[in-house]
């Protein structure tokens, strides 16, 4: 996690943007069979790496974010902006694009 925190310090999202790192896809079934790379589905769970300060209301007040660094979230299948930095792959989403916060 130290490599992720080092990259997170270099990327500071603006407004209601959230930087996430997707969980690794399952490569093995519960029965011990290996899943071919082509058959692996994209993981919809991710960990929040960095968050922006929040969106602005028309009055200029900041609307606080509902997710924080370290939260596990559920993402839509498509969307987000892909960012690669120091060999790590991240995605940037708007807070409103995040489907759910996992407990």
PDB file of N, CA and C in Angstrom:
ATOM      1  N   UNK A   1       0.817  -1.195   0.000  1.00  0.00           N
ATOM      2  CA  UNK A   1       0.000   0.000   0.000  1.00  0.00           C
ATOM      3  C   UNK A   1       0.859   1.256   0.000  1.00  0.00           C
ATOM      4  N   UNK A   2       2.161   1.137   0.340  1.00  0.00           N
ATOM      5  CA  UNK A   2       3.018   2.312   0.377  1.00  0.00           C
ATOM      6  C   UNK A   2       3.243   2.880  -1.018  1.00  0.00           C
ATOM      7  N   UNK A   3       3.294   1.996  -2.043  1.00  0.00           N
ATOM      8  CA  UNK A   3       3.452   2.472  -3.417  1.00  0.00           C
ATOM      9  C   UNK A   3       2.223   3.246  -3.852  1.00  0.00           C
ATOM     10  N   UNK A   4       1.051   2.792  -3.434  1.00  0.00           N
ATOM     11  CA  UNK A   4      -0.192   3.478  -3.780  1.00  0.00           C
ATOM     12  C   UNK A   4      -0.231   4.836  -3.112  1.00  0.00           C
ATOM     13  N   UNK A   5       0.167   4.924  -1.847  1.00  0.00           N
ATOM     14  CA  UNK A   5       0.128   6.200  -1.149  1.00  0.00           C
ATOM     15  C   UNK A   5       1.135   7.189  -1.747  1.00  0.00           C
ATOM     16  N   UNK A   6       2.253   6.696  -2.270  1.00  0.00           N
ATOM     17  CA  UNK A   6       3.231   7.578  -2.906  1.00  0.00           C
ATOM     18  C   UNK A   6       2.668   8.169  -4.188  1.00  0.00           C
ATOM     19  N   UNK A   7       1.960   7.366  -4.971  1.00  0.00           N
ATOM     20  CA  UNK A   7       1.338   7.851  -6.196  1.00  0.00           C
ATOM     21  C   UNK A   7       0.179   8.782  -5.856  1.00  0.00           C
ATOM     22  N   UNK A   8      -0.570   8.448  -4.801  1.00  0.00           N
ATOM     23  CA  UNK A   8      -1.715   9.269  -4.404  1.00  0.00           C
ATOM     24  C   UNK A   8      -1.281  10.676  -4.007  1.00  0.00           C
ATOM     25  N   UNK A   9      -0.097  10.825  -3.488  1.00  0.00           N
ATOM     26  CA  UNK A   9       0.404  12.151  -3.117  1.00  0.00           C
ATOM     27  C   UNK A   9       0.714  12.986  -4.359  1.00  0.00           C
ATOM     28  N   UNK A  10       0.987  12.322  -5.473  1.00  0.00           N
ATOM     29  CA  UNK A  10       1.307  13.036  -6.711  1.00  0.00           C
ATOM     30  C   UNK A  10       0.059  13.443  -7.489  1.00  0.00           C
ATOM     31  N   UNK A  11      -1.050  12.743  -7.264  1.00  0.00           N
ATOM     32  CA  UNK A  11      -2.299  13.032  -7.978  1.00  0.00           C
ATOM     33  C   UNK A  11      -3.326  13.543  -6.979  1.00  0.00           C
ATOM     34  N   UNK A  12      -3.728  14.785  -7.126  1.00  0.00           N
ATOM     35  CA  UNK A  12      -4.748  15.368  -6.264  1.00  0.00           C
ATOM     36  C   UNK A  12      -5.971  15.697  -7.109  1.00  0.00           C
ATOM     37  N   UNK A  13      -7.038  14.928  -6.982  1.00  0.00           N
ATOM     38  CA  UNK A  13      -8.246  15.178  -7.777  1.00  0.00           C
ATOM     39  C   UNK A  13      -8.862  16.541  -7.442  1.00  0.00           C
ATOM     40  N   UNK A  14      -9.515  17.135  -8.421  1.00  0.00           N
ATOM     41  CA  UNK A  14     -10.192  18.413  -8.231  1.00  0.00           C
ATOM     42  C   UNK A  14     -11.690  18.201  -8.071  1.00  0.00           C
ATOM     43  N   UNK A  15     -12.329  19.111  -7.381  1.00  0.00           N
ATOM     44  CA  UNK A  15     -13.779  19.136  -7.181  1.00  0.00           C
ATOM     45  C   UNK A  15     -14.310  17.789  -6.703  1.00  0.00           C
ATOM     46  N   UNK A  16     -15.254  17.184  -7.422  1.00  0.00           N
ATOM     47  CA  UNK A  16     -15.886  15.946  -6.950  1.00  0.00           C
ATOM     48  C   UNK A  16     -15.285  14.707  -7.609  1.00  0.00           C
ATOM     49  N   UNK A  17     -14.025  14.771  -7.995  1.00  0.00           N
ATOM     50  CA  UNK A  17     -13.365  13.629  -8.625  1.00  0.00           C
ATOM     51  C   UNK A  17     -12.804  12.687  -7.553  1.00  0.00           C
ATOM     52  N   UNK A  18     -12.774  11.389  -7.887  1.00  0.00           N
ATOM     53  CA  UNK A  18     -12.274  10.351  -6.982  1.00  0.00           C
ATOM     54  C   UNK A  18     -11.291   9.485  -7.750  1.00  0.00           C
ATOM     55  N   UNK A  19     -10.090   9.295  -7.216  1.00  0.00           N
ATOM     56  CA  UNK A  19      -9.081   8.421  -7.809  1.00  0.00           C
ATOM     57  C   UNK A  19      -9.215   7.058  -7.154  1.00  0.00           C
ATOM     58  N   UNK A  20      -9.407   6.015  -7.967  1.00  0.00           N
ATOM     59  CA  UNK A  20      -9.597   4.670  -7.421  1.00  0.00           C
ATOM     60  C   UNK A  20      -8.612   3.693  -8.056  1.00  0.00           C
ATOM     61  N   UNK A  21      -8.415   2.580  -7.377  1.00  0.00           N
ATOM     62  CA  UNK A  21      -7.633   1.472  -7.927  1.00  0.00           C
ATOM     63  C   UNK A  21      -8.508   0.240  -7.850  1.00  0.00           C
ATOM     64  N   UNK A  22      -8.779  -0.356  -9.017  1.00  0.00           N
ATOM     65  CA  UNK A  22      -9.637  -1.538  -9.077  1.00  0.00           C
ATOM     66  C   UNK A  22      -8.969  -2.726  -8.408  1.00  0.00           C
ATOM     67  N   UNK A  23      -9.800  -3.594  -7.830  1.00  0.00           N
ATOM     68  CA  UNK A  23      -9.308  -4.840  -7.240  1.00  0.00           C
ATOM     69  C   UNK A  23      -8.876  -5.773  -8.366  1.00  0.00           C
ATOM     70  N   UNK A  24      -7.902  -6.610  -8.098  1.00  0.00           N
ATOM     71  CA  UNK A  24      -7.397  -7.544  -9.110  1.00  0.00           C
ATOM     72  C   UNK A  24      -8.476  -8.568  -9.451  1.00  0.00           C
ATOM     73  N   UNK A  25      -8.534  -8.942 -10.712  1.00  0.00           N
ATOM     74  CA  UNK A  25      -9.514  -9.937 -11.172  1.00  0.00           C
ATOM     75  C   UNK A  25      -9.156 -11.309 -10.624  1.00  0.00           C
ATOM     76  N   UNK A  26     -10.189 -12.102 -10.353  1.00  0.00           N
ATOM     77  CA  UNK A  26      -9.977 -13.466  -9.855  1.00  0.00           C
ATOM     78  C   UNK A  26      -9.347 -14.316 -10.954  1.00  0.00           C
ATOM     79  N   UNK A  27      -8.250 -14.992 -10.629  1.00  0.00           N
ATOM     80  CA  UNK A  27      -7.576 -15.836 -11.605  1.00  0.00           C
ATOM     81  C   UNK A  27      -7.792 -17.315 -11.323  1.00  0.00           C
ATOM     82  N   UNK A  28      -8.427 -17.611 -10.198  1.00  0.00           N
ATOM     83  CA  UNK A  28      -8.616 -18.996  -9.790  1.00  0.00           C
ATOM     84  C   UNK A  28     -10.015 -19.135  -9.178  1.00  0.00           C
ATOM     85  N   UNK A  29     -10.708 -20.221  -9.492  1.00  0.00           N
ATOM     86  CA  UNK A  29     -12.027 -20.468  -8.914  1.00  0.00           C
ATOM     87  C   UNK A  29     -11.881 -21.026  -7.497  1.00  0.00           C
ATOM     88  N   UNK A  30     -13.004 -21.111  -6.783  1.00  0.00           N
ATOM     89  CA  UNK A  30     -12.973 -21.679  -5.435  1.00  0.00           C
ATOM     90  C   UNK A  30     -12.561 -23.139  -5.459  1.00  0.00           C
ATOM     91  N   UNK A  31     -12.847 -23.831  -6.566  1.00  0.00           N
ATOM     92  CA  UNK A  31     -12.486 -25.241  -6.717  1.00  0.00           C
ATOM     93  C   UNK A  31     -11.032 -25.448  -7.109  1.00  0.00           C
ATOM     94  N   UNK A  32     -10.309 -24.359  -7.406  1.00  0.00           N
ATOM     95  CA  UNK A  32      -8.898 -24.467  -7.735  1.00  0.00           C
ATOM     96  C   UNK A  32      -8.583 -24.416  -9.220  1.00  0.00           C
ATOM     97  N   UNK A  33      -9.600 -24.239 -10.061  1.00  0.00           N
ATOM     98  CA  UNK A  33      -9.363 -24.156 -11.499  1.00  0.00           C
ATOM     99  C   UNK A  33      -8.904 -22.748 -11.879  1.00  0.00           C
ATOM    100  N   UNK A  34      -7.979 -22.677 -12.804  1.00  0.00           N
ATOM    101  CA  UNK A  34      -7.499 -21.380 -13.269  1.00  0.00           C
ATOM    102  C   UNK A  34      -8.408 -20.837 -14.368  1.00  0.00           C
ATOM    103  N   UNK A  35      -8.705 -19.564 -14.291  1.00  0.00           N
ATOM    104  CA  UNK A  35      -9.577 -18.916 -15.270  1.00  0.00           C
ATOM    105  C   UNK A  35      -8.686 -18.299 -16.348  1.00  0.00           C
ATOM    106  N   UNK A  36      -8.946 -18.597 -17.632  1.00  0.00           N
ATOM    107  CA  UNK A  36      -8.147 -17.989 -18.699  1.00  0.00           C
ATOM    108  C   UNK A  36      -8.288 -16.467 -18.680  1.00  0.00           C
ATOM    109  N   UNK A  37      -7.261 -15.794 -19.119  1.00  0.00           N
ATOM    110  CA  UNK A  37      -7.241 -14.330 -19.092  1.00  0.00           C
ATOM    111  C   UNK A  37      -8.404 -13.720 -19.876  1.00  0.00           C
ATOM    112  N   UNK A  38      -8.761 -14.316 -20.987  1.00  0.00           N
ATOM    113  CA  UNK A  38      -9.865 -13.806 -21.810  1.00  0.00           C
ATOM    114  C   UNK A  38     -11.211 -13.929 -21.105  1.00  0.00           C
ATOM    115  N   UNK A  39     -11.359 -14.907 -20.225  1.00  0.00           N
ATOM    116  CA  UNK A  39     -12.628 -15.149 -19.548  1.00  0.00           C
ATOM    117  C   UNK A  39     -12.774 -14.372 -18.240  1.00  0.00           C
ATOM    118  N   UNK A  40     -11.694 -13.750 -17.785  1.00  0.00           N
ATOM    119  CA  UNK A  40     -11.761 -12.993 -16.536  1.00  0.00           C
ATOM    120  C   UNK A  40     -12.566 -11.721 -16.737  1.00  0.00           C
ATOM    121  N   UNK A  41     -13.468 -11.478 -15.815  1.00  0.00           N
ATOM    122  CA  UNK A  41     -14.269 -10.261 -15.909  1.00  0.00           C
ATOM    123  C   UNK A  41     -13.569  -9.127 -15.167  1.00  0.00           C
ATOM    124  N   UNK A  42     -13.884  -7.927 -15.604  1.00  0.00           N
ATOM    125  CA  UNK A  42     -13.320  -6.748 -14.972  1.00  0.00           C
ATOM    126  C   UNK A  42     -13.944  -6.614 -13.585  1.00  0.00           C
ATOM    127  N   UNK A  43     -13.123  -6.448 -12.557  1.00  0.00           N
ATOM    128  CA  UNK A  43     -13.647  -6.300 -11.205  1.00  0.00           C
ATOM    129  C   UNK A  43     -14.403  -4.996 -11.047  1.00  0.00           C
ATOM    130  N   UNK A  44     -15.539  -5.052 -10.398  1.00  0.00           N
ATOM    131  CA  UNK A  44     -16.339  -3.852 -10.186  1.00  0.00           C
ATOM    132  C   UNK A  44     -16.075  -3.231  -8.821  1.00  0.00           C
ATOM    133  N   UNK A  45     -15.288  -3.910  -7.987  1.00  0.00           N
ATOM    134  CA  UNK A  45     -14.936  -3.362  -6.679  1.00  0.00           C
ATOM    135  C   UNK A  45     -13.610  -2.632  -6.784  1.00  0.00           C
ATOM    136  N   UNK A  46     -13.474  -1.587  -5.985  1.00  0.00           N
ATOM    137  CA  UNK A  46     -12.245  -0.793  -6.010  1.00  0.00           C
ATOM    138  C   UNK A  46     -12.023  -0.141  -4.653  1.00  0.00           C
ATOM    139  N   UNK A  47     -10.807   0.369  -4.472  1.00  0.00           N
ATOM    140  CA  UNK A  47     -10.443   1.088  -3.254  1.00  0.00           C
ATOM    141  C   UNK A  47     -10.182   2.541  -3.627  1.00  0.00           C
ATOM    142  N   UNK A  48     -10.707   3.453  -2.824  1.00  0.00           N
ATOM    143  CA  UNK A  48     -10.500   4.883  -3.050  1.00  0.00           C
ATOM    144  C   UNK A  48      -9.082   5.237  -2.620  1.00  0.00           C
ATOM    145  N   UNK A  49      -8.323   5.855  -3.524  1.00  0.00           N
ATOM    146  CA  UNK A  49      -6.939   6.209  -3.265  1.00  0.00           C
ATOM    147  C   UNK A  49      -6.812   7.689  -2.898  1.00  0.00           C
ATOM    148  N   UNK A  50      -7.579   8.545  -3.564  1.00  0.00           N
ATOM    149  CA  UNK A  50      -7.547   9.986  -3.277  1.00  0.00           C
ATOM    150  C   UNK A  50      -8.894  10.590  -3.643  1.00  0.00           C
ATOM    151  N   UNK A  51      -9.280  11.635  -2.934  1.00  0.00           N
ATOM    152  CA  UNK A  51     -10.543  12.329  -3.222  1.00  0.00           C
ATOM    153  C   UNK A  51     -10.300  13.833  -3.303  1.00  0.00           C
ATOM    154  N   UNK A  52     -11.146  14.483  -4.094  1.00  0.00           N
ATOM    155  CA  UNK A  52     -11.085  15.930  -4.198  1.00  0.00           C
ATOM    156  C   UNK A  52     -11.812  16.574  -3.029  1.00  0.00           C
ATOM    157  N   UNK A  53     -11.796  17.907  -2.958  1.00  0.00           N
ATOM    158  CA  UNK A  53     -12.436  18.609  -1.837  1.00  0.00           C
ATOM    159  C   UNK A  53     -13.959  18.588  -1.889  1.00  0.00           C
ATOM    160  N   UNK A  54     -14.553  18.300  -3.024  1.00  0.00           N
ATOM    161  CA  UNK A  54     -16.003  18.266  -3.149  1.00  0.00           C
ATOM    162  C   UNK A  54     -16.478  19.261  -4.194  1.00  0.00           C
ATOM    163  N   UNK A  55     -17.695  19.059  -4.651  1.00  0.00           N
ATOM    164  CA  UNK A  55     -18.285  19.943  -5.662  1.00  0.00           C
ATOM    165  C   UNK A  55     -18.656  21.277  -5.021  1.00  0.00           C
ATOM    166  N   UNK A  56     -18.914  22.265  -5.856  1.00  0.00           N
ATOM    167  CA  UNK A  56     -19.325  23.590  -5.370  1.00  0.00           C
ATOM    168  C   UNK A  56     -20.796  23.808  -5.665  1.00  0.00           C
ATOM    169  N   UNK A  57     -21.497  24.342  -4.689  1.00  0.00           N
ATOM    170  CA  UNK A  57     -22.900  24.713  -4.879  1.00  0.00           C
ATOM    171  C   UNK A  57     -22.947  26.060  -5.584  1.00  0.00           C
ATOM    172  N   UNK A  58     -24.132  26.459  -6.041  1.00  0.00           N
ATOM    173  CA  UNK A  58     -24.269  27.751  -6.719  1.00  0.00           C
ATOM    174  C   UNK A  58     -23.883  28.916  -5.813  1.00  0.00           C
ATOM    175  N   UNK A  59     -24.061  28.740  -4.510  1.00  0.00           N
ATOM    176  CA  UNK A  59     -23.708  29.803  -3.563  1.00  0.00           C
ATOM    177  C   UNK A  59     -22.201  29.887  -3.329  1.00  0.00           C
ATOM    178  N   UNK A  60     -21.452  28.886  -3.812  1.00  0.00           N
ATOM    179  CA  UNK A  60     -20.002  28.871  -3.641  1.00  0.00           C
ATOM    180  C   UNK A  60     -19.548  27.981  -2.498  1.00  0.00           C
ATOM    181  N   UNK A  61     -20.480  27.478  -1.722  1.00  0.00           N
ATOM    182  CA  UNK A  61     -20.132  26.591  -0.608  1.00  0.00           C
ATOM    183  C   UNK A  61     -19.712  25.228  -1.144  1.00  0.00           C
ATOM    184  N   UNK A  62     -18.811  24.600  -0.440  1.00  0.00           N
ATOM    185  CA  UNK A  62     -18.319  23.283  -0.840  1.00  0.00           C
ATOM    186  C   UNK A  62     -19.269  22.196  -0.340  1.00  0.00           C
ATOM    187  N   UNK A  63     -19.625  21.254  -1.211  1.00  0.00           N
ATOM    188  CA  UNK A  63     -20.457  20.112  -0.840  1.00  0.00           C
ATOM    189  C   UNK A  63     -19.510  18.984  -0.463  1.00  0.00           C
ATOM    190  N   UNK A  64     -19.565  18.499   0.788  1.00  0.00           N
ATOM    191  CA  UNK A  64     -18.600  17.476   1.227  1.00  0.00           C
ATOM    192  C   UNK A  64     -18.758  16.160   0.464  1.00  0.00           C
ATOM    193  N   UNK A  65     -17.660  15.442   0.353  1.00  0.00           N
ATOM    194  CA  UNK A  65     -17.651  14.151  -0.337  1.00  0.00           C
ATOM    195  C   UNK A  65     -18.233  13.077   0.578  1.00  0.00           C
ATOM    196  N   UNK A  66     -18.885  12.074  -0.019  1.00  0.00           N
ATOM    197  CA  UNK A  66     -19.463  10.976   0.761  1.00  0.00           C
ATOM    198  C   UNK A  66     -18.525   9.778   0.844  1.00  0.00           C
ATOM    199  N   UNK A  67     -17.406   9.813   0.124  1.00  0.00           N
ATOM    200  CA  UNK A  67     -16.404   8.744   0.208  1.00  0.00           C
ATOM    201  C   UNK A  67     -15.098   9.341   0.707  1.00  0.00           C
ATOM    202  N   UNK A  68     -14.290   8.499   1.330  1.00  0.00           N
ATOM    203  CA  UNK A  68     -13.001   8.939   1.859  1.00  0.00           C
ATOM    204  C   UNK A  68     -11.919   7.953   1.401  1.00  0.00           C
ATOM    205  N   UNK A  69     -10.686   8.340   1.582  1.00  0.00           N
ATOM    206  CA  UNK A  69      -9.556   7.485   1.203  1.00  0.00           C
ATOM    207  C   UNK A  69      -9.633   6.184   1.996  1.00  0.00           C
ATOM    208  N   UNK A  70      -9.466   5.071   1.305  1.00  0.00           N
ATOM    209  CA  UNK A  70      -9.502   3.752   1.932  1.00  0.00           C
ATOM    210  C   UNK A  70     -10.848   3.063   1.849  1.00  0.00           C
ATOM    211  N   UNK A  71     -11.906   3.777   1.456  1.00  0.00           N
ATOM    212  CA  UNK A  71     -13.227   3.170   1.328  1.00  0.00           C
ATOM    213  C   UNK A  71     -13.253   2.194   0.164  1.00  0.00           C
ATOM    214  N   UNK A  72     -14.024   1.107   0.315  1.00  0.00           N
ATOM    215  CA  UNK A  72     -14.257   0.171  -0.787  1.00  0.00           C
ATOM    216  C   UNK A  72     -15.548   0.594  -1.456  1.00  0.00           C
ATOM    217  N   UNK A  73     -15.518   0.686  -2.786  1.00  0.00           N
ATOM    218  CA  UNK A  73     -16.673   1.147  -3.537  1.00  0.00           C
ATOM    219  C   UNK A  73     -17.002   0.183  -4.671  1.00  0.00           C
ATOM    220  N   UNK A  74     -18.230   0.281  -5.150  1.00  0.00           N
ATOM    221  CA  UNK A  74     -18.705  -0.501  -6.279  1.00  0.00           C
ATOM    222  C   UNK A  74     -18.821   0.442  -7.465  1.00  0.00           C
ATOM    223  N   UNK A  75     -18.229   0.063  -8.594  1.00  0.00           N
ATOM    224  CA  UNK A  75     -18.158   0.937  -9.763  1.00  0.00           C
ATOM    225  C   UNK A  75     -19.049   0.437 -10.893  1.00  0.00           C
ATOM    226  N   UNK A  76     -19.404   1.337 -11.810  1.00  0.00           N
ATOM    227  CA  UNK A  76     -20.108   0.880 -13.007  1.00  0.00           C
ATOM    228  C   UNK A  76     -19.141   0.098 -13.898  1.00  0.00           C
ATOM    229  N   UNK A  77     -19.684  -0.716 -14.783  1.00  0.00           N
ATOM    230  CA  UNK A  77     -18.831  -1.542 -15.642  1.00  0.00           C
ATOM    231  C   UNK A  77     -17.994  -0.690 -16.591  1.00  0.00           C
ATOM    232  N   UNK A  78     -18.583   0.396 -17.090  1.00  0.00           N
ATOM    233  CA  UNK A  78     -17.874   1.268 -18.023  1.00  0.00           C
ATOM    234  C   UNK A  78     -17.796   2.668 -17.442  1.00  0.00           C
ATOM    235  N   UNK A  79     -16.818   3.426 -17.896  1.00  0.00           N
ATOM    236  CA  UNK A  79     -16.705   4.816 -17.455  1.00  0.00           C
ATOM    237  C   UNK A  79     -15.376   5.063 -16.768  1.00  0.00           C
ATOM    238  N   UNK A  80     -15.166   6.282 -16.384  1.00  0.00           N
ATOM    239  CA  UNK A  80     -13.935   6.669 -15.717  1.00  0.00           C
ATOM    240  C   UNK A  80     -12.825   6.944 -16.710  1.00  0.00           C
ATOM    241  N   UNK A  81     -11.825   7.661 -16.242  1.00  0.00           N
ATOM    242  CA  UNK A  81     -10.649   7.976 -17.056  1.00  0.00           C
ATOM    243  C   UNK A  81      -9.473   7.163 -16.549  1.00  0.00           C
ATOM    244  N   UNK A  82      -8.847   6.416 -17.444  1.00  0.00           N
ATOM    245  CA  UNK A  82      -7.728   5.551 -17.084  1.00  0.00           C
ATOM    246  C   UNK A  82      -6.472   6.385 -16.916  1.00  0.00           C
ATOM    247  N   UNK A  83      -5.742   6.147 -15.821  1.00  0.00           N
ATOM    248  CA  UNK A  83      -4.485   6.851 -15.538  1.00  0.00           C
ATOM    249  C   UNK A  83      -3.444   5.800 -15.180  1.00  0.00           C
ATOM    250  N   UNK A  84      -2.304   5.840 -15.859  1.00  0.00           N
ATOM    251  CA  UNK A  84      -1.200   4.945 -15.528  1.00  0.00           C
ATOM    252  C   UNK A  84      -0.039   5.787 -15.042  1.00  0.00           C
ATOM    253  N   UNK A  85       0.486   5.428 -13.860  1.00  0.00           N
ATOM    254  CA  UNK A  85       1.591   6.173 -13.289  1.00  0.00           C
ATOM    255  C   UNK A  85       2.474   5.218 -12.498  1.00  0.00           C
ATOM    256  N   UNK A  86       3.752   5.237 -12.796  1.00  0.00           N
ATOM    257  CA  UNK A  86       4.741   4.401 -12.120  1.00  0.00           C
ATOM    258  C   UNK A  86       4.356   2.920 -12.127  1.00  0.00           C
ATOM    259  N   UNK A  87       3.836   2.447 -13.257  1.00  0.00           N
ATOM    260  CA  UNK A  87       3.486   1.042 -13.396  1.00  0.00           C
ATOM    261  C   UNK A  87       2.182   0.645 -12.737  1.00  0.00           C
ATOM    262  N   UNK A  88       1.517   1.565 -12.093  1.00  0.00           N
ATOM    263  CA  UNK A  88       0.234   1.298 -11.448  1.00  0.00           C
ATOM    264  C   UNK A  88      -0.887   1.848 -12.313  1.00  0.00           C
ATOM    265  N   UNK A  89      -2.025   1.164 -12.326  1.00  0.00           N
ATOM    266  CA  UNK A  89      -3.170   1.601 -13.113  1.00  0.00           C
ATOM    267  C   UNK A  89      -4.272   2.097 -12.179  1.00  0.00           C
ATOM    268  N   UNK A  90      -4.728   3.309 -12.413  1.00  0.00           N
ATOM    269  CA  UNK A  90      -5.784   3.932 -11.621  1.00  0.00           C
ATOM    270  C   UNK A  90      -6.881   4.400 -12.553  1.00  0.00           C
ATOM    271  N   UNK A  91      -8.028   4.762 -11.975  1.00  0.00           N
ATOM    272  CA  UNK A  91      -9.107   5.362 -12.743  1.00  0.00           C
ATOM    273  C   UNK A  91      -9.670   6.531 -11.968  1.00  0.00           C
ATOM    274  N   UNK A  92     -10.085   7.561 -12.710  1.00  0.00           N
ATOM    275  CA  UNK A  92     -10.664   8.756 -12.116  1.00  0.00           C
ATOM    276  C   UNK A  92     -12.157   8.757 -12.434  1.00  0.00           C
ATOM    277  N   UNK A  93     -12.982   8.874 -11.400  1.00  0.00           N
ATOM    278  CA  UNK A  93     -14.429   8.926 -11.544  1.00  0.00           C
ATOM    279  C   UNK A  93     -14.963  10.172 -10.852  1.00  0.00           C
ATOM    280  N   UNK A  94     -16.128  10.627 -11.284  1.00  0.00           N
ATOM    281  CA  UNK A  94     -16.857  11.635 -10.517  1.00  0.00           C
ATOM    282  C   UNK A  94     -17.544  10.896  -9.375  1.00  0.00           C
ATOM    283  N   UNK A  95     -17.755  11.591  -8.282  1.00  0.00           N
ATOM    284  CA  UNK A  95     -18.397  10.960  -7.128  1.00  0.00           C
ATOM    285  C   UNK A  95     -19.788  10.433  -7.486  1.00  0.00           C
ATOM    286  N   UNK A  96     -20.493  11.124  -8.353  1.00  0.00           N
ATOM    287  CA  UNK A  96     -21.849  10.715  -8.738  1.00  0.00           C
ATOM    288  C   UNK A  96     -21.853   9.448  -9.595  1.00  0.00           C
ATOM    289  N   UNK A  97     -20.712   9.079 -10.186  1.00  0.00           N
ATOM    290  CA  UNK A  97     -20.624   7.868 -11.002  1.00  0.00           C
ATOM    291  C   UNK A  97     -20.451   6.606 -10.155  1.00  0.00           C
ATOM    292  N   UNK A  98     -20.021   6.761  -8.924  1.00  0.00           N
ATOM    293  CA  UNK A  98     -19.809   5.606  -8.048  1.00  0.00           C
ATOM    294  C   UNK A  98     -21.172   5.038  -7.651  1.00  0.00           C
ATOM    295  N   UNK A  99     -21.325   3.725  -7.815  1.00  0.00           N
ATOM    296  CA  UNK A  99     -22.614   3.076  -7.604  1.00  0.00           C
ATOM    297  C   UNK A  99     -22.939   2.923  -6.119  1.00  0.00           C
ATOM    298  N   UNK A 100     -21.981   2.430  -5.321  1.00  0.00           N
ATOM    299  CA  UNK A 100     -22.246   2.174  -3.900  1.00  0.00           C
ATOM    300  C   UNK A 100     -20.951   2.185  -3.112  1.00  0.00           C
ATOM    301  N   UNK A 101     -21.099   2.367  -1.821  1.00  0.00           N
ATOM    302  CA  UNK A 101     -19.993   2.292  -0.875  1.00  0.00           C
ATOM    303  C   UNK A 101     -20.162   0.988  -0.118  1.00  0.00           C
ATOM    304  N   UNK A 102     -19.138   0.125  -0.129  1.00  0.00           N
ATOM    305  CA  UNK A 102     -19.211  -1.181   0.509  1.00  0.00           C
ATOM    306  C   UNK A 102     -18.721  -1.094   1.953  1.00  0.00           C
ATOM    307  N   UNK A 103     -19.383  -1.830   2.823  1.00  0.00           N
ATOM    308  CA  UNK A 103     -18.963  -1.804   4.239  1.00  0.00           C
ATOM    309  C   UNK A 103     -18.184  -3.036   4.612  1.00  0.00           C
TER     310      UNK A 103
END
